[in-house]
Protein backbone atom coordinates (compact mmCIF):
# COMPACT_ATOMS: atom_id res chain seq x y z
CA UNK A 1 0.14 -0.12 0.00
CA UNK A 2 1.18 3.34 -0.99
CA UNK A 3 0.79 6.66 0.82
CA UNK A 4 -1.89 7.75 -2.05
CA UNK A 5 -3.90 4.44 -1.10
CA UNK A 6 -4.36 5.55 2.59
CA UNK A 7 -7.21 7.68 3.80
CA UNK A 8 -6.84 11.55 4.08
CA UNK A 9 -5.02 12.74 7.06
CA UNK A 10 -6.83 15.42 9.04
CA UNK A 11 -4.85 17.29 11.69
CA UNK A 12 -7.17 18.70 14.54
CA UNK A 13 -5.81 21.23 16.85
CA UNK A 14 -7.46 21.18 20.10
CA UNK A 15 -9.00 17.77 19.61
CA UNK A 16 -8.93 16.70 23.25
CA UNK A 17 -11.18 19.88 24.15
CA UNK A 18 -14.99 19.79 24.60
CA UNK A 19 -15.81 20.41 20.82
CA UNK A 20 -12.59 18.95 19.78
CA UNK A 21 -13.31 15.36 20.89
CA UNK A 22 -16.72 14.93 19.29
CA UNK A 23 -15.05 16.15 15.90
CA UNK A 24 -12.38 13.49 16.55
CA UNK A 25 -15.12 11.00 16.69
CA UNK A 26 -17.05 12.24 13.93
CA UNK A 27 -14.07 11.94 11.62
CA UNK A 28 -13.06 8.66 12.89
CA UNK A 29 -16.50 7.31 11.85
CA UNK A 30 -15.99 8.43 8.25
CA UNK A 31 -12.51 6.66 8.02
CA UNK A 32 -10.25 9.49 7.93
CA UNK A 33 -6.80 9.22 9.67
CA UNK A 34 -6.54 11.71 12.62
CA UNK A 35 -3.67 13.66 14.07
CA UNK A 36 -4.74 15.30 17.33
CA UNK A 37 -2.50 18.36 18.06
CA UNK A 38 -2.62 19.17 21.58
CA UNK A 39 -0.42 20.93 24.40
CA UNK A 40 -0.49 17.90 26.70
CA UNK A 41 -0.58 14.63 24.56
CA UNK A 42 -0.19 12.56 27.97
CA UNK A 43 -3.79 13.72 28.84
CA UNK A 44 -5.32 13.00 25.22
CA UNK A 45 -4.97 9.11 25.24
CA UNK A 46 -8.70 8.66 26.00
CA UNK A 47 -9.24 9.65 22.29
CA UNK A 48 -7.34 6.63 20.75
CA UNK A 49 -10.19 4.07 21.30
CA UNK A 50 -12.63 6.46 19.20
CA UNK A 51 -11.00 4.97 16.18
CA UNK A 52 -9.46 1.76 14.79
CA UNK A 53 -6.00 0.76 15.78
CA UNK A 54 -3.48 3.26 14.50
CA UNK A 55 -6.31 5.43 13.08
CA UNK A 56 -5.88 8.14 15.73
CA UNK A 57 -2.41 9.57 16.89
CA UNK A 58 -1.75 12.35 19.21
CA UNK A 59 0.99 14.96 18.81
CA UNK A 60 2.31 17.96 20.90
CA UNK A 61 1.64 21.36 19.46
CA UNK A 62 1.11 24.91 21.22
CA UNK A 63 -0.45 27.49 18.84
CA UNK A 64 1.80 29.87 20.70
CA UNK A 65 4.75 28.46 19.12
CA UNK A 66 4.89 28.32 15.30
CA UNK A 67 7.23 25.51 14.75
CA UNK A 68 5.10 23.23 16.49
CA UNK A 69 2.17 24.09 14.49
CA UNK A 70 3.91 23.56 11.30
CA UNK A 71 5.17 20.11 12.57
CA UNK A 72 1.66 19.11 13.36
CA UNK A 73 0.31 19.81 9.71
CA UNK A 74 2.95 17.93 7.85
CA UNK A 75 1.38 15.61 5.51
CA UNK A 76 -2.12 16.63 6.27
CA UNK A 77 -4.79 17.21 3.68
CA UNK A 78 -7.20 18.82 6.01
CA UNK A 79 -6.58 21.03 9.11
CA UNK A 80 -9.37 21.88 11.60
CA UNK A 81 -8.82 24.52 14.48
CA UNK A 82 -10.99 23.76 17.34
CA UNK A 83 -8.91 25.87 19.82
CA UNK A 84 -10.54 28.51 21.83
CA UNK A 85 -10.35 29.86 25.46
CA UNK A 86 -13.30 31.62 27.51
CA UNK A 87 -10.88 33.27 30.03
CA UNK A 88 -7.05 34.08 29.90
CA UNK A 89 -4.64 32.58 31.98
CA UNK A 90 -0.96 33.23 32.15
CA UNK A 91 0.62 33.30 28.70
CA UNK A 92 -2.51 31.85 27.27
CA UNK A 93 -4.12 35.20 26.27
CA UNK A 94 -6.83 35.69 23.80
CA UNK A 95 -4.51 37.52 21.46
CA UNK A 96 -2.00 34.67 21.75
CA UNK A 97 -4.40 31.76 21.36
CA UNK A 98 -7.18 33.21 19.36
CA UNK A 99 -5.66 35.85 17.04
CA UNK A 100 -2.11 34.66 16.68
CA UNK A 101 -2.95 31.00 16.92
CA UNK A 102 -5.67 31.10 14.37
CA UNK A 103 -3.23 33.02 12.11
CA UNK A 104 -0.48 30.22 12.52
CA UNK A 105 -2.80 27.50 11.76
CA UNK A 106 -4.00 29.18 8.57
CA UNK A 107 -0.53 29.90 7.62
CA UNK A 108 0.81 26.42 8.20
CA UNK A 109 -2.45 24.99 6.31
CA UNK A 110 -1.54 27.06 3.43
CA UNK A 111 2.13 25.79 3.54
CA UNK A 112 1.12 22.28 3.10
CA UNK A 113 -1.67 23.01 0.76
CA UNK A 114 -4.48 21.45 3.08
CA UNK A 115 -7.93 22.74 3.47
CA UNK A 116 -8.88 24.50 6.56
CA UNK A 117 -12.09 24.41 8.98
CA UNK A 118 -11.82 26.97 11.74
CA UNK A 119 -14.25 27.16 14.48
CA UNK A 120 -15.24 30.62 15.64
CA UNK A 121 -18.17 32.10 17.62
CA UNK A 122 -21.23 33.99 17.22
CA UNK A 123 -20.23 37.40 18.32
CA UNK A 124 -16.93 37.27 16.74
CA UNK A 125 -16.19 40.95 15.61
CA UNK A 126 -12.84 42.69 15.10
CA UNK A 127 -14.50 45.94 16.73
CA UNK A 128 -15.89 43.94 19.70
CA UNK A 129 -15.67 45.52 23.30
CA UNK A 130 -14.97 41.93 24.46
CA UNK A 131 -11.30 40.74 24.07
CA UNK A 132 -12.88 37.58 23.34
CA UNK A 133 -15.15 38.50 20.37
CA UNK A 134 -12.51 41.06 19.22
CA UNK A 135 -9.74 38.35 18.79
CA UNK A 136 -12.06 35.87 17.37
CA UNK A 137 -13.24 38.56 14.68
CA UNK A 138 -9.34 39.45 13.93
CA UNK A 139 -8.78 35.82 13.54
CA UNK A 140 -11.37 35.29 11.05
CA UNK A 141 -10.36 38.29 8.99
CA UNK A 142 -6.71 37.00 9.01
CA UNK A 143 -7.57 33.45 8.21
CA UNK A 144 -9.76 34.43 4.95
CA UNK A 145 -7.14 36.68 3.75
CA UNK A 146 -4.45 33.81 4.11
CA UNK A 147 -6.85 31.00 3.06
CA UNK A 148 -9.71 32.46 1.13
CA UNK A 149 -11.34 29.28 0.71
CA UNK A 150 -11.37 28.26 4.34
CA UNK A 151 -14.71 27.43 6.15
CA UNK A 152 -15.46 29.35 9.32
CA UNK A 153 -18.28 27.90 11.63
CA UNK A 154 -19.62 30.34 14.34
CA UNK A 155 -21.54 28.32 16.81
CA UNK A 156 -23.78 29.89 19.54
CA UNK A 157 -23.48 28.53 23.00
CA UNK A 158 -22.64 25.03 22.94
CA UNK A 159 -24.27 22.42 25.18
CA UNK A 160 -23.36 18.62 25.63
CA UNK A 161 -22.01 16.32 28.62
CA UNK A 162 -18.65 18.42 29.09
CA UNK A 163 -20.15 21.92 28.46
CA UNK A 164 -19.14 24.94 30.82
CA UNK A 165 -22.35 26.66 30.89
CA UNK A 166 -25.32 24.41 31.88
CA UNK A 167 -22.88 22.19 33.90
CA UNK A 168 -21.78 25.40 35.69
CA UNK A 169 -25.06 26.31 36.65
CA UNK A 170 -26.40 23.04 37.71
CA UNK A 171 -23.40 22.54 39.97
CA UNK A 172 -24.12 26.09 41.31
CA UNK A 173 -27.91 25.12 42.10
CA UNK A 174 -26.56 22.44 44.34
CA UNK A 175 -24.49 24.70 46.60
CA UNK A 176 -25.77 28.20 46.12
CA UNK A 177 -28.95 29.55 47.71
CA UNK A 178 -29.70 31.63 44.60
CA UNK A 179 -28.68 31.76 41.09
CA UNK A 180 -27.49 34.99 39.25
CA UNK A 181 -29.28 36.67 36.33
CA UNK A 182 -26.51 38.89 34.70
CA UNK A 183 -28.09 42.03 33.52
CA UNK A 184 -31.60 40.71 34.39
CA UNK A 185 -31.20 37.62 32.26
CA UNK A 186 -32.48 39.20 28.92
CA UNK A 187 -29.44 38.10 26.80
CA UNK A 188 -30.57 35.56 24.13
CA UNK A 189 -28.87 32.40 23.20
CA UNK A 190 -29.59 29.78 20.65
CA UNK A 191 -27.90 26.62 22.32
CA UNK A 192 -26.57 24.19 19.78
CA UNK A 193 -25.82 20.58 20.61
CA UNK A 194 -21.96 19.60 20.25
CA UNK A 195 -22.46 16.67 18.13
CA UNK A 196 -24.44 18.89 15.47
CA UNK A 197 -21.26 21.30 15.72
CA UNK A 198 -18.98 18.19 15.21
CA UNK A 199 -21.23 16.94 12.29
CA UNK A 200 -20.81 20.26 10.58
CA UNK A 201 -17.16 20.18 10.79
CA UNK A 202 -16.89 16.82 9.50
CA UNK A 203 -19.13 17.92 6.45
CA UNK A 204 -16.68 20.76 5.82
CA UNK A 205 -13.91 18.27 5.79
CA UNK A 206 -15.77 16.13 3.42
CA UNK A 207 -16.10 19.15 1.23
CA UNK A 208 -19.90 19.70 1.33
CA UNK A 209 -19.66 23.20 2.56
CA UNK A 210 -19.14 26.31 0.55
CA UNK A 211 -15.48 27.42 0.50
CA UNK A 212 -14.84 30.89 1.85
CA UNK A 213 -18.16 31.11 3.87
CA UNK A 214 -18.95 31.96 7.52
CA UNK A 215 -21.77 29.63 8.81
CA UNK A 216 -23.53 30.38 11.92
CA UNK A 217 -24.66 27.41 13.91
CA UNK A 218 -27.48 27.60 16.32
CA UNK A 219 -30.11 25.08 17.80
CA UNK A 220 -33.93 25.02 17.14
CA UNK A 221 -34.82 27.51 20.04
CA UNK A 222 -33.85 30.94 21.01
CA UNK A 223 -33.78 31.10 24.82
CA UNK A 224 -33.02 34.16 27.12
CA UNK A 225 -30.41 33.76 29.89
CA UNK A 226 -33.30 33.43 32.52
CA UNK A 227 -34.98 30.79 30.44
CA UNK A 228 -31.77 28.78 30.19
CA UNK A 229 -31.37 28.84 33.88
CA UNK A 230 -35.20 27.91 34.63
CA UNK A 231 -34.66 25.10 32.37
CA UNK A 232 -31.60 23.83 34.45
CA UNK A 233 -33.57 24.19 37.63
CA UNK A 234 -36.40 22.19 35.99
CA UNK A 235 -33.99 19.42 34.76
CA UNK A 236 -32.07 18.98 38.09
CA UNK A 237 -35.54 19.09 39.93
CA UNK A 238 -34.55 22.04 42.32
CA UNK A 239 -35.99 25.40 43.28
CA UNK A 240 -33.64 28.41 43.30
CA UNK A 241 -34.57 32.01 43.13
CA UNK A 242 -33.34 33.83 40.31
CA UNK A 243 -31.45 37.08 41.43
CA UNK A 244 -30.92 40.08 39.12
CA UNK A 245 -27.14 41.18 39.11
CA UNK A 246 -26.40 44.37 37.27
CA UNK A 247 -23.64 44.36 34.47
CA UNK A 248 -21.59 46.64 36.61
CA UNK A 249 -21.89 44.53 39.74
CA UNK A 250 -21.10 41.40 37.91
CA UNK A 251 -17.91 42.85 36.24
CA UNK A 252 -16.71 44.05 39.81
CA UNK A 253 -17.37 40.67 41.14
CA UNK A 254 -15.20 39.19 38.38
CA UNK A 255 -12.50 41.83 38.78
CA UNK A 256 -12.28 40.93 42.52
CA UNK A 257 -12.29 37.24 42.07
CA UNK A 258 -9.42 37.48 39.56
CA UNK A 259 -7.15 39.00 42.07
CA UNK A 260 -7.28 35.99 44.45
CA UNK A 261 -5.52 33.23 42.20
CA UNK A 262 -6.88 30.32 44.30
CA UNK A 263 -10.50 31.30 43.55
CA UNK A 264 -11.82 30.34 40.29
CA UNK A 265 -13.83 33.57 39.14
CA UNK A 266 -17.47 32.78 38.48
CA UNK A 267 -17.34 35.29 35.66
CA UNK A 268 -14.86 37.55 34.11
CA UNK A 269 -15.40 41.26 33.28
CA UNK A 270 -14.76 40.32 29.57
CA UNK A 271 -17.53 37.56 29.81
CA UNK A 272 -19.88 40.50 31.23
CA UNK A 273 -19.02 42.44 28.18
CA UNK A 274 -20.08 39.53 25.97
CA UNK A 275 -23.49 39.15 27.88
CA UNK A 276 -24.50 42.62 26.96
CA UNK A 277 -25.40 41.40 23.35
CA UNK A 278 -27.40 38.39 22.04
CA UNK A 279 -25.87 35.15 20.91
CA UNK A 280 -28.05 34.08 18.16
CA UNK A 281 -27.89 33.24 14.40
CA UNK A 282 -28.21 36.22 12.27
CA UNK A 283 -31.04 36.85 9.79
CA UNK A 284 -28.60 37.17 6.96
CA UNK A 285 -27.00 33.67 7.71
CA UNK A 286 -30.60 32.17 7.47
CA UNK A 287 -31.46 34.09 4.12
CA UNK A 288 -28.23 32.63 2.68
CA UNK A 289 -28.70 29.06 4.14
CA UNK A 290 -25.42 29.33 6.07
CA UNK A 291 -26.78 27.55 9.11
CA UNK A 292 -27.22 23.85 10.18
CA UNK A 293 -30.69 23.48 8.37
CA UNK A 294 -29.03 25.12 5.55
CA UNK A 295 -26.49 22.21 5.22
CA UNK A 296 -29.02 19.34 5.96
CA UNK A 297 -28.65 18.95 9.71
CA UNK A 298 -31.83 19.14 11.92
CA UNK A 299 -30.67 21.05 15.18
CA UNK A 300 -31.11 18.87 18.26
CA UNK A 301 -33.50 20.18 21.04
CA UNK A 302 -31.88 21.25 24.26
CA UNK A 303 -34.25 19.43 26.36
CA UNK A 304 -33.91 16.18 24.67
CA UNK A 305 -30.00 16.07 25.79
CA UNK A 306 -29.90 18.18 28.77
CA UNK A 307 -31.33 15.54 31.33
CA UNK A 308 -28.79 12.83 30.18
CA UNK A 309 -26.00 14.58 31.56
CA UNK A 310 -27.37 16.99 34.25
CA UNK A 311 -29.06 14.14 36.15
CA UNK A 312 -25.96 13.97 38.31
CA UNK A 313 -26.92 17.18 39.91
CA UNK A 314 -30.30 16.00 41.12
CA UNK A 315 -30.50 15.27 44.79
CA UNK A 316 -30.77 11.77 44.26
CA UNK A 317 -28.91 11.76 41.13
CA UNK A 318 -30.58 9.22 38.40
CA UNK A 319 -32.90 7.82 41.23
CA UNK A 320 -34.66 11.14 41.59
CA UNK A 321 -38.20 10.58 40.62
CA UNK A 322 -40.23 12.22 42.92
CA UNK A 323 -40.63 15.28 40.76
CA UNK A 324 -40.29 17.39 43.84
CA UNK A 325 -37.92 20.26 43.81
CA UNK A 326 -35.17 20.31 46.59
């Protein structure tokens, strides 16, 4: 067997993360060879059983170091960038990981002639007041200038077993007497299932999505922050008051918490800035068919999946069946 007889090789940056691990599994089902590029290969071994023997390999790469990025794409026909951070830590800043890192992956993909699929986020805007949104937007612009045929996917808030949104508030409902409604809880989201996002990535790798386009991925429902928290409480079978926390107060809390390294800040000032804007699929994307439905994927309902992994936060776990809130 020659190299030409082998299935295409896909390098997935951030393949051990929340979205990345689902992307790896979807690509493995399609028979691709997959090279997972992560900072800590010793912590990504759990991905190997997702494919056949030898189908998935793990290599070290850090988007802050260009030479490691170049090594990771050698021989690849496709490159997928799943790397993103919700808050900064040490040298892993938004500029370094999302802006510089996104550019580095695009340049490396161009260097080996590989196609590129990049996961961004709804809210990406080079002029955003949020560092997260601003660096996501700058990365998109840079990527399309380097690889004009790249496919960019912008999901809304992503839900699934390892998510950092619904799990966070479900855990909070176990310990806190109230749940916070940042800015009154009016911000709108369009929660999208992680498996639907992974399927969209896989179809992009298959060549089924239009090159050079930005797709916006949202679920079938638009829910306010308040409605999201009410859904969490209903699923975990608990009653907790929802208390409004003004944006300014939430930002102050985040700033104070960030000064104490041993405390994980419940929210950062940058995340508060993001919450001032709705996180939903645009009318333009819907009109142009640059959505999940537009590519033939029926979006999954939040309530059809949420109970399967939030059950652990009920008072008696999976055995809670009384229907009475704690």
